[in-house]
N, C-alpha and C. Protein backbone atom coordinates (compact mmCIF):
# COMPACT_ATOMS: atom_id res chain seq x y z
N MET A 1 59.95 -34.11 2.92
CA MET A 1 58.93 -33.12 2.61
C MET A 1 57.92 -33.76 1.65
N LYS A 2 56.68 -33.30 1.76
CA LYS A 2 55.62 -33.86 0.93
C LYS A 2 54.62 -32.77 0.57
N GLU A 3 53.69 -33.12 -0.31
CA GLU A 3 52.67 -32.17 -0.72
C GLU A 3 51.91 -31.63 0.48
N LEU A 4 51.62 -30.34 0.44
CA LEU A 4 50.90 -29.56 1.44
C LEU A 4 51.73 -29.20 2.68
N ASP A 5 52.99 -29.62 2.73
CA ASP A 5 53.87 -29.15 3.80
C ASP A 5 54.16 -27.66 3.60
N VAL A 6 54.23 -26.92 4.69
CA VAL A 6 54.65 -25.52 4.65
C VAL A 6 56.17 -25.50 4.80
N VAL A 7 56.82 -24.82 3.88
CA VAL A 7 58.28 -24.77 3.84
C VAL A 7 58.75 -23.32 3.86
N LYS A 8 60.05 -23.15 4.10
CA LYS A 8 60.65 -21.81 4.01
C LYS A 8 61.98 -21.94 3.30
N LEU A 9 62.39 -20.84 2.68
CA LEU A 9 63.67 -20.84 1.96
C LEU A 9 64.83 -20.71 2.94
N LYS A 10 65.85 -21.53 2.73
CA LYS A 10 67.06 -21.40 3.55
C LYS A 10 68.18 -20.71 2.76
N LYS A 11 67.91 -20.41 1.48
CA LYS A 11 68.81 -19.64 0.62
C LYS A 11 67.94 -18.74 -0.24
N GLU A 12 68.51 -17.65 -0.75
CA GLU A 12 67.78 -16.82 -1.71
C GLU A 12 67.49 -17.67 -2.95
N PHE A 13 66.31 -17.46 -3.54
CA PHE A 13 65.92 -18.25 -4.71
C PHE A 13 64.96 -17.44 -5.57
N ASN A 14 65.26 -17.32 -6.86
CA ASN A 14 64.40 -16.62 -7.82
C ASN A 14 63.96 -15.24 -7.33
N GLY A 15 64.86 -14.54 -6.67
CA GLY A 15 64.55 -13.19 -6.19
C GLY A 15 63.82 -13.15 -4.86
N LEU A 16 63.55 -14.32 -4.26
CA LEU A 16 62.88 -14.37 -2.95
C LEU A 16 63.93 -14.46 -1.84
N SER A 17 63.65 -13.83 -0.73
CA SER A 17 64.58 -13.76 0.40
C SER A 17 64.57 -15.04 1.22
N ILE A 18 65.67 -15.25 1.93
CA ILE A 18 65.75 -16.33 2.91
C ILE A 18 64.58 -16.16 3.89
N GLY A 19 63.93 -17.26 4.22
CA GLY A 19 62.82 -17.23 5.17
C GLY A 19 61.44 -17.09 4.54
N THR A 20 61.39 -16.80 3.22
CA THR A 20 60.09 -16.72 2.55
C THR A 20 59.41 -18.08 2.65
N GLU A 21 58.12 -18.07 3.01
CA GLU A 21 57.39 -19.33 3.20
C GLU A 21 56.51 -19.64 2.01
N GLY A 22 56.22 -20.93 1.88
CA GLY A 22 55.35 -21.40 0.81
C GLY A 22 54.79 -22.77 1.17
N THR A 23 53.92 -23.25 0.29
CA THR A 23 53.31 -24.56 0.46
C THR A 23 53.66 -25.42 -0.74
N ILE A 24 54.09 -26.64 -0.48
CA ILE A 24 54.37 -27.58 -1.57
C ILE A 24 53.04 -28.01 -2.18
N VAL A 25 52.90 -27.77 -3.49
CA VAL A 25 51.66 -28.15 -4.17
C VAL A 25 51.86 -29.37 -5.07
N TRP A 26 53.12 -29.74 -5.32
CA TRP A 26 53.39 -30.92 -6.14
C TRP A 26 54.81 -31.39 -5.87
N GLU A 27 54.99 -32.68 -5.71
CA GLU A 27 56.32 -33.26 -5.57
C GLU A 27 56.68 -33.95 -6.87
N TYR A 28 57.82 -33.59 -7.45
CA TYR A 28 58.23 -34.22 -8.70
C TYR A 28 58.95 -35.54 -8.46
N ASP A 29 60.05 -35.51 -7.73
CA ASP A 29 60.84 -36.73 -7.56
C ASP A 29 61.61 -36.74 -6.23
N GLY A 30 61.21 -35.89 -5.32
CA GLY A 30 61.91 -35.78 -4.04
C GLY A 30 63.04 -34.78 -4.06
N SER A 31 63.51 -34.41 -5.26
CA SER A 31 64.56 -33.41 -5.32
C SER A 31 64.07 -32.07 -5.86
N TYR A 32 62.86 -32.05 -6.40
CA TYR A 32 62.23 -30.80 -6.85
C TYR A 32 60.76 -30.80 -6.44
N PHE A 33 60.29 -29.61 -6.08
CA PHE A 33 58.91 -29.43 -5.65
C PHE A 33 58.33 -28.20 -6.33
N GLU A 34 57.05 -28.23 -6.64
CA GLU A 34 56.34 -27.03 -7.07
C GLU A 34 55.85 -26.37 -5.79
N VAL A 35 56.27 -25.13 -5.54
CA VAL A 35 55.96 -24.46 -4.30
C VAL A 35 55.25 -23.14 -4.59
N GLU A 36 54.11 -22.93 -3.92
CA GLU A 36 53.41 -21.64 -3.98
C GLU A 36 53.92 -20.80 -2.81
N PHE A 37 54.66 -19.75 -3.13
CA PHE A 37 55.22 -18.88 -2.11
C PHE A 37 54.24 -17.76 -1.80
N PHE A 38 54.20 -17.35 -0.52
CA PHE A 38 53.26 -16.31 -0.11
C PHE A 38 53.96 -15.29 0.78
N ASP A 39 53.34 -14.09 0.85
CA ASP A 39 53.90 -13.01 1.67
C ASP A 39 53.34 -13.06 3.09
N MET A 40 53.70 -12.08 3.90
CA MET A 40 53.29 -12.05 5.31
C MET A 40 51.77 -11.96 5.48
N ASN A 41 51.06 -11.48 4.44
CA ASN A 41 49.60 -11.37 4.49
C ASN A 41 48.90 -12.64 3.99
N GLY A 42 49.71 -13.61 3.53
CA GLY A 42 49.14 -14.83 3.00
C GLY A 42 48.78 -14.75 1.53
N ASP A 43 49.17 -13.64 0.87
CA ASP A 43 48.90 -13.49 -0.56
C ASP A 43 49.99 -14.18 -1.37
N THR A 44 49.59 -14.82 -2.45
CA THR A 44 50.54 -15.53 -3.30
C THR A 44 51.51 -14.56 -3.97
N ILE A 45 52.79 -14.89 -3.87
CA ILE A 45 53.83 -14.13 -4.57
C ILE A 45 54.00 -14.73 -5.97
N ASP A 46 54.22 -16.06 -6.01
CA ASP A 46 54.42 -16.76 -7.27
C ASP A 46 54.53 -18.25 -6.98
N VAL A 47 54.54 -19.05 -8.04
CA VAL A 47 54.71 -20.50 -7.92
C VAL A 47 55.96 -20.86 -8.72
N PHE A 48 56.90 -21.56 -8.07
CA PHE A 48 58.16 -21.93 -8.71
C PHE A 48 58.46 -23.41 -8.52
N THR A 49 59.08 -24.02 -9.52
CA THR A 49 59.69 -25.33 -9.34
C THR A 49 60.96 -25.08 -8.55
N THR A 50 61.06 -25.70 -7.38
CA THR A 50 62.09 -25.35 -6.40
C THR A 50 62.88 -26.58 -6.00
N PRO A 51 64.22 -26.50 -6.03
CA PRO A 51 65.01 -27.65 -5.60
C PRO A 51 64.93 -27.84 -4.08
N ALA A 52 64.95 -29.09 -3.66
CA ALA A 52 64.83 -29.43 -2.24
C ALA A 52 65.94 -28.81 -1.41
N ASP A 53 67.13 -28.61 -1.99
CA ASP A 53 68.27 -28.13 -1.20
C ASP A 53 68.16 -26.68 -0.77
N VAL A 54 67.13 -25.95 -1.24
CA VAL A 54 66.94 -24.57 -0.77
C VAL A 54 65.76 -24.46 0.19
N LEU A 55 65.14 -25.61 0.54
CA LEU A 55 63.94 -25.62 1.39
C LEU A 55 64.18 -26.29 2.72
N ASP A 56 63.50 -25.78 3.74
CA ASP A 56 63.39 -26.40 5.07
C ASP A 56 61.91 -26.42 5.42
N LEU A 57 61.51 -27.38 6.25
CA LEU A 57 60.14 -27.35 6.76
C LEU A 57 60.00 -26.15 7.69
N ALA A 58 58.89 -25.42 7.54
CA ALA A 58 58.60 -24.29 8.43
C ALA A 58 58.09 -24.84 9.76
N LYS A 59 58.36 -24.13 10.84
CA LYS A 59 57.93 -24.60 12.16
C LYS A 59 56.69 -23.93 12.60
């Protein structure tokens, strides 16, 4: 995964449901990413530092 990839959660994280999508806005070290999560309307929910093990690339 890299910056600007669209990802989705494969586990619940910080109160967000499985499947919530976001965009990687910063890669720290390959094991953590800053991700801007958004809702079904494309509105930003929040930005979280997110471990790689809870993310999958969105299709």
